[in-house]
Each structure stands twice: as C-alpha cells, then as structure tokens.
C-alpha cells in the first residue's frame, strides 16, 4: 500500500461542523493513534477515511488497490452467526471458494487463539474472545489499512493489554497500516507510531507526535514513554479547560 494522504479534511452536520482542517500523511506500514475528548469527531474521522461518510471539504487519498477493513467499538459481530461464520463473512462476500475459505479460516482461528470455539455464538464468548473474532474477521481478507474505533475500550486491563500485544504482533507479521481511535493515553503511546490529538469545536489537530516508544517496553514503563504520555495529557487538559469556558 502507498501512503494515506489526508488534506484539509472537514465534515459538517446540520448541527454544526465536527471536523475541520485535518491534514496528515501516514506512510505504508505505519500506525497512527488518534486521541481526543468524547464527541470531538474521532469516529467521524474513521468513517471519512473508510469512505463510509462523505467529506464536506478536503480529501482522503489512497491507492486504488488499497484494501481497507474496519473494527467497530461494539465488535460488530452478528449474534445469530457462529464464530466461524462471522470470521469468514468477508471471504463469502468476495465470492471466495469454499476450500480456500476453509483454509483461511483454520489459519485465522489458530492465529487468533480461537481453535475449538468456531461453533460457539458471540453470546457464549468472553469480551476478549469476541474482540479476537472481530480482529480476525477484519484481517482474514488481508487488508492494507485497518481502521479501529476504540476496539479495546470495553475490556478489563489485563485483556486489553494482551490484545494490544496481539495487535502489535499481527502488525509486524502483516506489514499493514492501521489507524486507532482511543481515549486511553497509554494505549496511544504503545500502539501509535504517530499520535494525533484532536481538540476544539470543530476539532482540529492540536498535536502530531513522532513516537519513538511505539511498541516498546518503554512505552509502558520507561521514562521516555511517560514523558510522551504527559505531553499528550497536557494538550488534552488544555483543550478541556479552554472548551469548558466556551
């Protein structure tokens, strides 16, 4: 995949403008963590990047051959479908042959640590297992760009950390790009090669960081990671204080 290029992106709704002046470039194989206050337009940005929502102004440029996948905050699994059927849905929609689908499903079940659960339904799984199914379904068609809307927000701290590490391992193996929306500063520092803070009404980029701690132990426990997290928090807190007086 080539670079993702976003230029002067903005989105208006009848109630007002949500995003304005969003510009950045994400090179192939890189990750971006987007963080900001609730309701500032982070999810709207993902919808614009995916093409599900039309921009009011500006542009999103991706190579024509770029394959994109989206992981929703609530997993987006069909409750009446088994783990297997949820997992292979993208391949079925593409018209992939049965044999090829079965081979891909077996490999993904193993990669996601879901072997033995393929006949269960989402209600019979833990939150972490449901999220693994959602990640596997997104990855089974081998996307070049993965978009994630707070995928680990509903999980406990231990499950969240394990899935963060799983995502990082998958990224290393597949050399894909991903954009992650999160409210969690520590998660942004661990998973974002770049970090963008959105702030204001309408939201605009208030900070863009090249994060040298991405994917490392120092992101969670080192002084360098703590310094980056503190810088992000200062920008977020400044935005909260200024917006409270509007």
C-alpha atoms as a PDB file:
ATOM      1  CA  UNK A   1       0.000   0.000   0.000  1.00  0.00           C
ATOM      2  CA  UNK A   2       1.130   3.555  -0.675  1.00  0.00           C
ATOM      3  CA  UNK A   3       0.695   6.443   1.728  1.00  0.00           C
ATOM      4  CA  UNK A   4      -2.602   7.589   3.194  1.00  0.00           C
ATOM      5  CA  UNK A   5      -2.843  11.309   2.474  1.00  0.00           C
ATOM      6  CA  UNK A   6      -5.427  13.482   4.194  1.00  0.00           C
ATOM      7  CA  UNK A   7      -5.673  17.112   3.107  1.00  0.00           C
ATOM      8  CA  UNK A   8      -7.720  19.861   4.806  1.00  0.00           C
ATOM      9  CA  UNK A   9     -10.449  17.372   5.712  1.00  0.00           C
ATOM     10  CA  UNK A  10     -13.674  18.690   7.200  1.00  0.00           C
ATOM     11  CA  UNK A  11     -17.165  17.435   7.966  1.00  0.00           C
ATOM     12  CA  UNK A  12     -20.326  19.426   8.649  1.00  0.00           C
ATOM     13  CA  UNK A  13     -23.628  18.188  10.017  1.00  0.00           C
ATOM     14  CA  UNK A  14     -26.902  20.130  10.349  1.00  0.00           C
ATOM     15  CA  UNK A  15     -25.979  20.771  13.986  1.00  0.00           C
ATOM     16  CA  UNK A  16     -22.640  22.282  13.011  1.00  0.00           C
ATOM     17  CA  UNK A  17     -19.099  21.500  11.941  1.00  0.00           C
ATOM     18  CA  UNK A  18     -17.461  18.497  13.624  1.00  0.00           C
ATOM     19  CA  UNK A  19     -14.038  18.347  11.960  1.00  0.00           C
ATOM     20  CA  UNK A  20     -12.042  20.979  10.116  1.00  0.00           C
ATOM     21  CA  UNK A  21      -8.539  21.392   8.749  1.00  0.00           C
ATOM     22  CA  UNK A  22      -7.372  17.813   9.335  1.00  0.00           C
ATOM     23  CA  UNK A  23      -4.232  17.091   7.296  1.00  0.00           C
ATOM     24  CA  UNK A  24      -1.622  14.364   7.651  1.00  0.00           C
ATOM     25  CA  UNK A  25       0.293  11.698   5.752  1.00  0.00           C
ATOM     26  CA  UNK A  26       0.657   8.132   7.019  1.00  0.00           C
ATOM     27  CA  UNK A  27       3.227   6.113   5.130  1.00  0.00           C
ATOM     28  CA  UNK A  28       2.664   2.479   4.262  1.00  0.00           C
ATOM     29  CA  UNK A  29       3.166   0.128   7.199  1.00  0.00           C
ATOM     30  CA  UNK A  30       2.886   2.827   9.869  1.00  0.00           C
ATOM     31  CA  UNK A  31       0.354   3.251  12.667  1.00  0.00           C
ATOM     32  CA  UNK A  32      -1.497   6.308  13.895  1.00  0.00           C
ATOM     33  CA  UNK A  33      -3.258   6.657  17.250  1.00  0.00           C
ATOM     34  CA  UNK A  34      -5.934   9.372  17.316  1.00  0.00           C
ATOM     35  CA  UNK A  35      -6.942  10.667  20.728  1.00  0.00           C
ATOM     36  CA  UNK A  36      -9.232  13.445  21.877  1.00  0.00           C
ATOM     37  CA  UNK A  37     -12.228  14.297  24.080  1.00  0.00           C
ATOM     38  CA  UNK A  38     -15.514  12.432  23.705  1.00  0.00           C
ATOM     39  CA  UNK A  39     -17.627  13.755  20.860  1.00  0.00           C
ATOM     40  CA  UNK A  40     -14.788  15.602  19.153  1.00  0.00           C
ATOM     41  CA  UNK A  41     -15.132  13.716  15.854  1.00  0.00           C
ATOM     42  CA  UNK A  42     -12.682  10.827  16.167  1.00  0.00           C
ATOM     43  CA  UNK A  43     -15.198   8.234  14.950  1.00  0.00           C
ATOM     44  CA  UNK A  44     -16.300  10.594  12.195  1.00  0.00           C
ATOM     45  CA  UNK A  45     -12.687  10.796  11.047  1.00  0.00           C
ATOM     46  CA  UNK A  46     -12.531   6.989  10.717  1.00  0.00           C
ATOM     47  CA  UNK A  47     -15.759   6.992   8.710  1.00  0.00           C
ATOM     48  CA  UNK A  48     -14.284   9.595   6.388  1.00  0.00           C
ATOM     49  CA  UNK A  49     -11.066   7.600   5.975  1.00  0.00           C
ATOM     50  CA  UNK A  50     -13.036   4.449   5.151  1.00  0.00           C
ATOM     51  CA  UNK A  51     -15.273   6.187   2.632  1.00  0.00           C
ATOM     52  CA  UNK A  52     -18.428   5.352   4.598  1.00  0.00           C
ATOM     53  CA  UNK A  53     -19.036   9.089   5.114  1.00  0.00           C
ATOM     54  CA  UNK A  54     -18.579  11.800   2.500  1.00  0.00           C
ATOM     55  CA  UNK A  55     -16.394  14.750   3.448  1.00  0.00           C
ATOM     56  CA  UNK A  56     -17.771  18.272   3.355  1.00  0.00           C
ATOM     57  CA  UNK A  57     -14.378  19.514   2.175  1.00  0.00           C
ATOM     58  CA  UNK A  58     -10.854  18.300   1.711  1.00  0.00           C
ATOM     59  CA  UNK A  59      -9.720  14.894   0.500  1.00  0.00           C
ATOM     60  CA  UNK A  60      -8.641  11.395   1.524  1.00  0.00           C
ATOM     61  CA  UNK A  61      -6.208   9.807  -0.938  1.00  0.00           C
ATOM     62  CA  UNK A  62      -5.419   6.096  -1.001  1.00  0.00           C
ATOM     63  CA  UNK A  63      -4.066   3.884  -3.791  1.00  0.00           C
ATOM     64  CA  UNK A  64      -6.846   2.323  -5.858  1.00  0.00           C
ATOM     65  CA  UNK A  65      -5.648  -1.142  -4.864  1.00  0.00           C
ATOM     66  CA  UNK A  66      -5.764  -0.431  -1.112  1.00  0.00           C
ATOM     67  CA  UNK A  67      -7.925  -2.889   0.821  1.00  0.00           C
ATOM     68  CA  UNK A  68      -9.485  -1.400   3.969  1.00  0.00           C
ATOM     69  CA  UNK A  69     -11.071  -3.087   6.981  1.00  0.00           C
ATOM     70  CA  UNK A  70     -12.968  -1.523   9.903  1.00  0.00           C
ATOM     71  CA  UNK A  71     -13.278  -2.783  13.503  1.00  0.00           C
ATOM     72  CA  UNK A  72     -16.156  -1.216  15.420  1.00  0.00           C
ATOM     73  CA  UNK A  73     -16.211  -0.382  19.116  1.00  0.00           C
ATOM     74  CA  UNK A  74     -19.032  -2.866  19.798  1.00  0.00           C
ATOM     75  CA  UNK A  75     -17.293  -5.653  17.817  1.00  0.00           C
ATOM     76  CA  UNK A  76     -19.958  -5.652  15.068  1.00  0.00           C
ATOM     77  CA  UNK A  77     -20.484  -9.413  15.265  1.00  0.00           C
ATOM     78  CA  UNK A  78     -23.746 -10.992  14.123  1.00  0.00           C
ATOM     79  CA  UNK A  79     -25.235 -12.696  17.208  1.00  0.00           C
ATOM     80  CA  UNK A  80     -27.016 -15.368  15.140  1.00  0.00           C
ATOM     81  CA  UNK A  81     -23.795 -16.445  13.400  1.00  0.00           C
ATOM     82  CA  UNK A  82     -21.162 -18.740  14.868  1.00  0.00           C
ATOM     83  CA  UNK A  83     -17.547 -17.717  15.346  1.00  0.00           C
ATOM     84  CA  UNK A  84     -16.683 -19.469  12.084  1.00  0.00           C
ATOM     85  CA  UNK A  85     -19.487 -17.811  10.119  1.00  0.00           C
ATOM     86  CA  UNK A  86     -18.656 -14.359  11.492  1.00  0.00           C
ATOM     87  CA  UNK A  87     -14.999 -14.903  10.701  1.00  0.00           C
ATOM     88  CA  UNK A  88     -15.424 -15.928   7.049  1.00  0.00           C
ATOM     89  CA  UNK A  89     -18.085 -13.345   6.143  1.00  0.00           C
ATOM     90  CA  UNK A  90     -15.670 -11.064   4.197  1.00  0.00           C
ATOM     91  CA  UNK A  91     -14.499 -14.019   2.100  1.00  0.00           C
ATOM     92  CA  UNK A  92     -18.079 -15.090   1.385  1.00  0.00           C
ATOM     93  CA  UNK A  93     -18.962 -11.566   0.284  1.00  0.00           C
ATOM     94  CA  UNK A  94     -15.975 -11.645  -2.099  1.00  0.00           C
ATOM     95  CA  UNK A  95     -17.111 -14.951  -3.538  1.00  0.00           C
ATOM     96  CA  UNK A  96     -14.042 -16.860  -2.333  1.00  0.00           C
ATOM     97  CA  UNK A  97     -14.254 -20.601  -2.975  1.00  0.00           C
ATOM     98  CA  UNK A  98     -15.238 -22.969  -0.176  1.00  0.00           C
ATOM     99  CA  UNK A  99     -11.892 -24.758   0.054  1.00  0.00           C
ATOM    100  CA  UNK A 100      -9.889 -21.529   0.126  1.00  0.00           C
ATOM    101  CA  UNK A 101     -12.272 -20.112   2.739  1.00  0.00           C
ATOM    102  CA  UNK A 102     -11.851 -23.153   4.979  1.00  0.00           C
ATOM    103  CA  UNK A 103      -8.062 -22.981   4.770  1.00  0.00           C
ATOM    104  CA  UNK A 104      -8.051 -19.256   5.573  1.00  0.00           C
ATOM    105  CA  UNK A 105     -10.489 -19.769   8.463  1.00  0.00           C
ATOM    106  CA  UNK A 106      -8.409 -22.517  10.049  1.00  0.00           C
ATOM    107  CA  UNK A 107      -5.282 -20.371   9.843  1.00  0.00           C
ATOM    108  CA  UNK A 108      -7.068 -17.357  11.332  1.00  0.00           C
ATOM    109  CA  UNK A 109      -8.641 -19.374  14.159  1.00  0.00           C
ATOM    110  CA  UNK A 110      -5.177 -20.560  15.112  1.00  0.00           C
ATOM    111  CA  UNK A 111      -3.616 -17.111  14.800  1.00  0.00           C
ATOM    112  CA  UNK A 112      -6.347 -15.571  16.971  1.00  0.00           C
ATOM    113  CA  UNK A 113      -6.224 -18.334  19.585  1.00  0.00           C
ATOM    114  CA  UNK A 114      -9.828 -19.332  18.839  1.00  0.00           C
ATOM    115  CA  UNK A 115      -9.408 -23.004  17.923  1.00  0.00           C
ATOM    116  CA  UNK A 116     -12.201 -25.057  19.465  1.00  0.00           C
ATOM    117  CA  UNK A 117     -14.570 -22.074  19.637  1.00  0.00           C
ATOM    118  CA  UNK A 118     -15.627 -21.983  15.975  1.00  0.00           C
ATOM    119  CA  UNK A 119     -19.135 -23.365  16.644  1.00  0.00           C
ATOM    120  CA  UNK A 120     -19.914 -21.020  19.502  1.00  0.00           C
ATOM    121  CA  UNK A 121     -22.027 -17.887  19.182  1.00  0.00           C
ATOM    122  CA  UNK A 122     -20.857 -14.422  20.298  1.00  0.00           C
ATOM    123  CA  UNK A 123     -23.004 -14.556  23.458  1.00  0.00           C
ATOM    124  CA  UNK A 124     -21.045 -17.636  24.538  1.00  0.00           C
ATOM    125  CA  UNK A 125     -17.689 -15.825  24.380  1.00  0.00           C
ATOM    126  CA  UNK A 126     -15.839 -13.502  26.720  1.00  0.00           C
ATOM    127  CA  UNK A 127     -15.281  -9.900  25.702  1.00  0.00           C
ATOM    128  CA  UNK A 128     -11.691 -10.628  24.764  1.00  0.00           C
ATOM    129  CA  UNK A 129     -12.722 -13.611  22.641  1.00  0.00           C
ATOM    130  CA  UNK A 130     -15.367 -11.548  20.833  1.00  0.00           C
ATOM    131  CA  UNK A 131     -12.760  -8.916  20.064  1.00  0.00           C
ATOM    132  CA  UNK A 132     -10.427 -11.591  18.718  1.00  0.00           C
ATOM    133  CA  UNK A 133     -13.190 -12.717  16.358  1.00  0.00           C
ATOM    134  CA  UNK A 134     -13.702  -9.112  15.238  1.00  0.00           C
ATOM    135  CA  UNK A 135      -9.973  -8.657  14.603  1.00  0.00           C
ATOM    136  CA  UNK A 136      -9.766 -11.977  12.771  1.00  0.00           C
ATOM    137  CA  UNK A 137     -12.737 -11.108  10.573  1.00  0.00           C
ATOM    138  CA  UNK A 138     -11.103  -7.791   9.671  1.00  0.00           C
ATOM    139  CA  UNK A 139      -7.773  -9.422   8.854  1.00  0.00           C
ATOM    140  CA  UNK A 140      -8.942 -12.527   7.007  1.00  0.00           C
ATOM    141  CA  UNK A 141      -9.215 -10.619   3.725  1.00  0.00           C
ATOM    142  CA  UNK A 142      -5.670  -9.263   4.257  1.00  0.00           C
ATOM    143  CA  UNK A 143      -6.330  -5.505   4.341  1.00  0.00           C
ATOM    144  CA  UNK A 144      -3.633  -2.948   3.650  1.00  0.00           C
ATOM    145  CA  UNK A 145      -5.231  -0.447   6.043  1.00  0.00           C
ATOM    146  CA  UNK A 146      -7.000  -1.360   9.291  1.00  0.00           C
ATOM    147  CA  UNK A 147      -9.272   1.224  10.947  1.00  0.00           C
ATOM    148  CA  UNK A 148     -10.233   0.669  14.600  1.00  0.00           C
ATOM    149  CA  UNK A 149     -12.734   2.618  16.696  1.00  0.00           C
ATOM    150  CA  UNK A 150     -11.786   2.099  20.370  1.00  0.00           C
ATOM    151  CA  UNK A 151     -11.586  -1.668  19.886  1.00  0.00           C
ATOM    152  CA  UNK A 152     -10.431  -2.466  23.435  1.00  0.00           C
ATOM    153  CA  UNK A 153     -12.497   0.062  25.407  1.00  0.00           C
ATOM    154  CA  UNK A 154     -14.916  -2.471  26.906  1.00  0.00           C
ATOM    155  CA  UNK A 155     -12.222  -4.888  28.127  1.00  0.00           C
ATOM    156  CA  UNK A 156     -10.584  -5.189  31.535  1.00  0.00           C
ATOM    157  CA  UNK A 157      -6.994  -4.044  31.902  1.00  0.00           C
ATOM    158  CA  UNK A 158      -5.410  -7.484  31.515  1.00  0.00           C
ATOM    159  CA  UNK A 159      -7.440  -8.457  28.421  1.00  0.00           C
ATOM    160  CA  UNK A 160      -6.821  -5.024  26.942  1.00  0.00           C
ATOM    161  CA  UNK A 161      -3.042  -5.315  27.338  1.00  0.00           C
ATOM    162  CA  UNK A 162      -2.996  -8.810  25.834  1.00  0.00           C
ATOM    163  CA  UNK A 163      -4.943  -7.706  22.793  1.00  0.00           C
ATOM    164  CA  UNK A 164      -2.726  -4.656  22.357  1.00  0.00           C
ATOM    165  CA  UNK A 165       0.245  -7.007  22.191  1.00  0.00           C
ATOM    166  CA  UNK A 166      -1.616  -9.307  19.789  1.00  0.00           C
ATOM    167  CA  UNK A 167      -2.382  -6.367  17.503  1.00  0.00           C
ATOM    168  CA  UNK A 168       1.271  -5.339  17.537  1.00  0.00           C
ATOM    169  CA  UNK A 169       2.359  -8.891  16.656  1.00  0.00           C
ATOM    170  CA  UNK A 170      -0.157  -9.034  13.805  1.00  0.00           C
ATOM    171  CA  UNK A 171       1.075  -5.690  12.507  1.00  0.00           C
ATOM    172  CA  UNK A 172       4.662  -6.940  12.469  1.00  0.00           C
ATOM    173  CA  UNK A 173       3.714 -10.101  10.562  1.00  0.00           C
ATOM    174  CA  UNK A 174       1.442  -8.432   8.025  1.00  0.00           C
ATOM    175  CA  UNK A 175       3.164  -5.084   7.418  1.00  0.00           C
ATOM    176  CA  UNK A 176      -0.191  -3.300   7.233  1.00  0.00           C
ATOM    177  CA  UNK A 177      -1.009   0.252   8.241  1.00  0.00           C
ATOM    178  CA  UNK A 178      -3.539   0.993  10.950  1.00  0.00           C
ATOM    179  CA  UNK A 179      -5.377   3.946  12.444  1.00  0.00           C
ATOM    180  CA  UNK A 180      -6.583   3.521  16.016  1.00  0.00           C
ATOM    181  CA  UNK A 181      -9.051   5.805  17.782  1.00  0.00           C
ATOM    182  CA  UNK A 182      -8.689   5.636  21.560  1.00  0.00           C
ATOM    183  CA  UNK A 183      -9.425   7.526  24.787  1.00  0.00           C
ATOM    184  CA  UNK A 184      -6.527   5.803  26.527  1.00  0.00           C
ATOM    185  CA  UNK A 185      -3.266   7.766  26.507  1.00  0.00           C
ATOM    186  CA  UNK A 186      -1.132   4.751  27.459  1.00  0.00           C
ATOM    187  CA  UNK A 187      -2.671   2.756  24.612  1.00  0.00           C
ATOM    188  CA  UNK A 188      -1.910   5.561  22.181  1.00  0.00           C
ATOM    189  CA  UNK A 189       1.732   5.663  23.285  1.00  0.00           C
ATOM    190  CA  UNK A 190       2.111   1.874  22.960  1.00  0.00           C
ATOM    191  CA  UNK A 191       0.328   1.403  19.616  1.00  0.00           C
ATOM    192  CA  UNK A 192       0.820   4.680  17.771  1.00  0.00           C
ATOM    193  CA  UNK A 193       3.948   5.137  15.655  1.00  0.00           C
ATOM    194  CA  UNK A 194       2.429   8.574  15.343  1.00  0.00           C
ATOM    195  CA  UNK A 195      -0.008  10.198  17.751  1.00  0.00           C
ATOM    196  CA  UNK A 196      -2.522  12.870  16.760  1.00  0.00           C
ATOM    197  CA  UNK A 197      -4.511  14.802  19.345  1.00  0.00           C
ATOM    198  CA  UNK A 198      -7.796  16.313  18.162  1.00  0.00           C
ATOM    199  CA  UNK A 199      -9.188  19.284  20.044  1.00  0.00           C
ATOM    200  CA  UNK A 200     -11.688  22.090  19.708  1.00  0.00           C
ATOM    201  CA  UNK A 201     -15.123  22.681  18.209  1.00  0.00           C
ATOM    202  CA  UNK A 202     -14.862  21.846  15.361  1.00  0.00           C
ATOM    203  CA  UNK A 203     -11.993  19.511  16.155  1.00  0.00           C
ATOM    204  CA  UNK A 204      -8.621  20.194  14.575  1.00  0.00           C
ATOM    205  CA  UNK A 205      -5.219  18.556  15.072  1.00  0.00           C
ATOM    206  CA  UNK A 206      -3.692  20.147  18.194  1.00  0.00           C
ATOM    207  CA  UNK A 207      -0.638  17.880  18.326  1.00  0.00           C
ATOM    208  CA  UNK A 208       1.181  15.484  15.991  1.00  0.00           C
ATOM    209  CA  UNK A 209       3.907  13.362  17.552  1.00  0.00           C
ATOM    210  CA  UNK A 210       6.504  11.050  16.069  1.00  0.00           C
ATOM    211  CA  UNK A 211       6.574   8.439  18.842  1.00  0.00           C
ATOM    212  CA  UNK A 212       9.941   6.650  19.296  1.00  0.00           C
ATOM    213  CA  UNK A 213       8.496   4.483  22.092  1.00  0.00           C
ATOM    214  CA  UNK A 214       5.948   2.796  19.817  1.00  0.00           C
ATOM    215  CA  UNK A 215       5.630  -0.921  20.574  1.00  0.00           C
ATOM    216  CA  UNK A 216       8.405  -0.966  23.173  1.00  0.00           C
ATOM    217  CA  UNK A 217       8.569  -1.704  26.897  1.00  0.00           C
ATOM    218  CA  UNK A 218       9.454   1.938  27.489  1.00  0.00           C
ATOM    219  CA  UNK A 219       6.027   2.931  26.183  1.00  0.00           C
ATOM    220  CA  UNK A 220       4.505   1.318  29.257  1.00  0.00           C
ATOM    221  CA  UNK A 221       7.142   1.623  31.937  1.00  0.00           C
ATOM    222  CA  UNK A 222      10.014   3.831  30.742  1.00  0.00           C
ATOM    223  CA  UNK A 223      10.754   7.492  31.331  1.00  0.00           C
ATOM    224  CA  UNK A 224      10.544   8.304  27.610  1.00  0.00           C
ATOM    225  CA  UNK A 225       7.059   6.802  27.318  1.00  0.00           C
ATOM    226  CA  UNK A 226       5.925   8.626  30.454  1.00  0.00           C
ATOM    227  CA  UNK A 227       7.186  11.918  29.015  1.00  0.00           C
ATOM    228  CA  UNK A 228       5.259  11.406  25.774  1.00  0.00           C
ATOM    229  CA  UNK A 229       2.113  10.453  27.697  1.00  0.00           C
ATOM    230  CA  UNK A 230       2.451  13.565  29.851  1.00  0.00           C
ATOM    231  CA  UNK A 231       2.810  15.770  26.773  1.00  0.00           C
ATOM    232  CA  UNK A 232      -0.362  14.278  25.274  1.00  0.00           C
ATOM    233  CA  UNK A 233      -2.250  14.742  28.565  1.00  0.00           C
ATOM    234  CA  UNK A 234      -1.194  18.390  28.786  1.00  0.00           C
ATOM    235  CA  UNK A 235      -2.626  19.091  25.345  1.00  0.00           C
ATOM    236  CA  UNK A 236      -5.827  17.237  26.191  1.00  0.00           C
ATOM    237  CA  UNK A 237      -6.208  19.022  29.526  1.00  0.00           C
ATOM    238  CA  UNK A 238      -5.568  22.390  27.909  1.00  0.00           C
ATOM    239  CA  UNK A 239      -8.313  21.681  25.404  1.00  0.00           C
ATOM    240  CA  UNK A 240     -10.761  20.596  28.101  1.00  0.00           C
ATOM    241  CA  UNK A 241     -10.107  23.748  30.118  1.00  0.00           C
ATOM    242  CA  UNK A 242     -10.457  26.124  27.157  1.00  0.00           C
ATOM    243  CA  UNK A 243     -13.571  24.401  25.783  1.00  0.00           C
ATOM    244  CA  UNK A 244     -15.273  24.432  29.183  1.00  0.00           C
ATOM    245  CA  UNK A 245     -15.282  28.218  29.036  1.00  0.00           C
ATOM    246  CA  UNK A 246     -16.852  28.420  25.580  1.00  0.00           C
END
